[in-house]
Amino acid sequence: MDFLLIIIICSLLWFWWDGVGVKEIAVRKAKHICDESGVLFLDDSVVLYRLRVRRNRAGTVLFERRFVFEFCSDGATRYSGYIEMLGKTVQRTHMDTYRITDYD
């Protein structure tokens, strides 16, 4: 019984630690795509929106996570985007259509 409890606790710790690492990758990617687009990445954070189990092309079972984030292009309006990760690999990114402002 004690051994089973230790395995469960270790599994939960691993899941949490893995999630922290994947979230850090998602934050870096969100910053990168916002910088490339010339918009401001808001709150310096992403939020886990969806978690499920999927297989990659090799058949390995991994966690698929969708993180959402917000950005701003005009200083007033918040827009949303998301990053989908399969394991520690970015699968897809998306940014809502946003207003482009010219400050010149």
Foldseek 3Di string as FASTA:
>chain_A
DVVVVVVVVVVVVVVVVQVVLLQVLFLVVQVVVCVVVVWAFPPSGWAWDDWDWDADPVRDIFIKTKTKTWIGAPVPDIWMKIWIDTRNHTDDIGTDDDDHDDPD
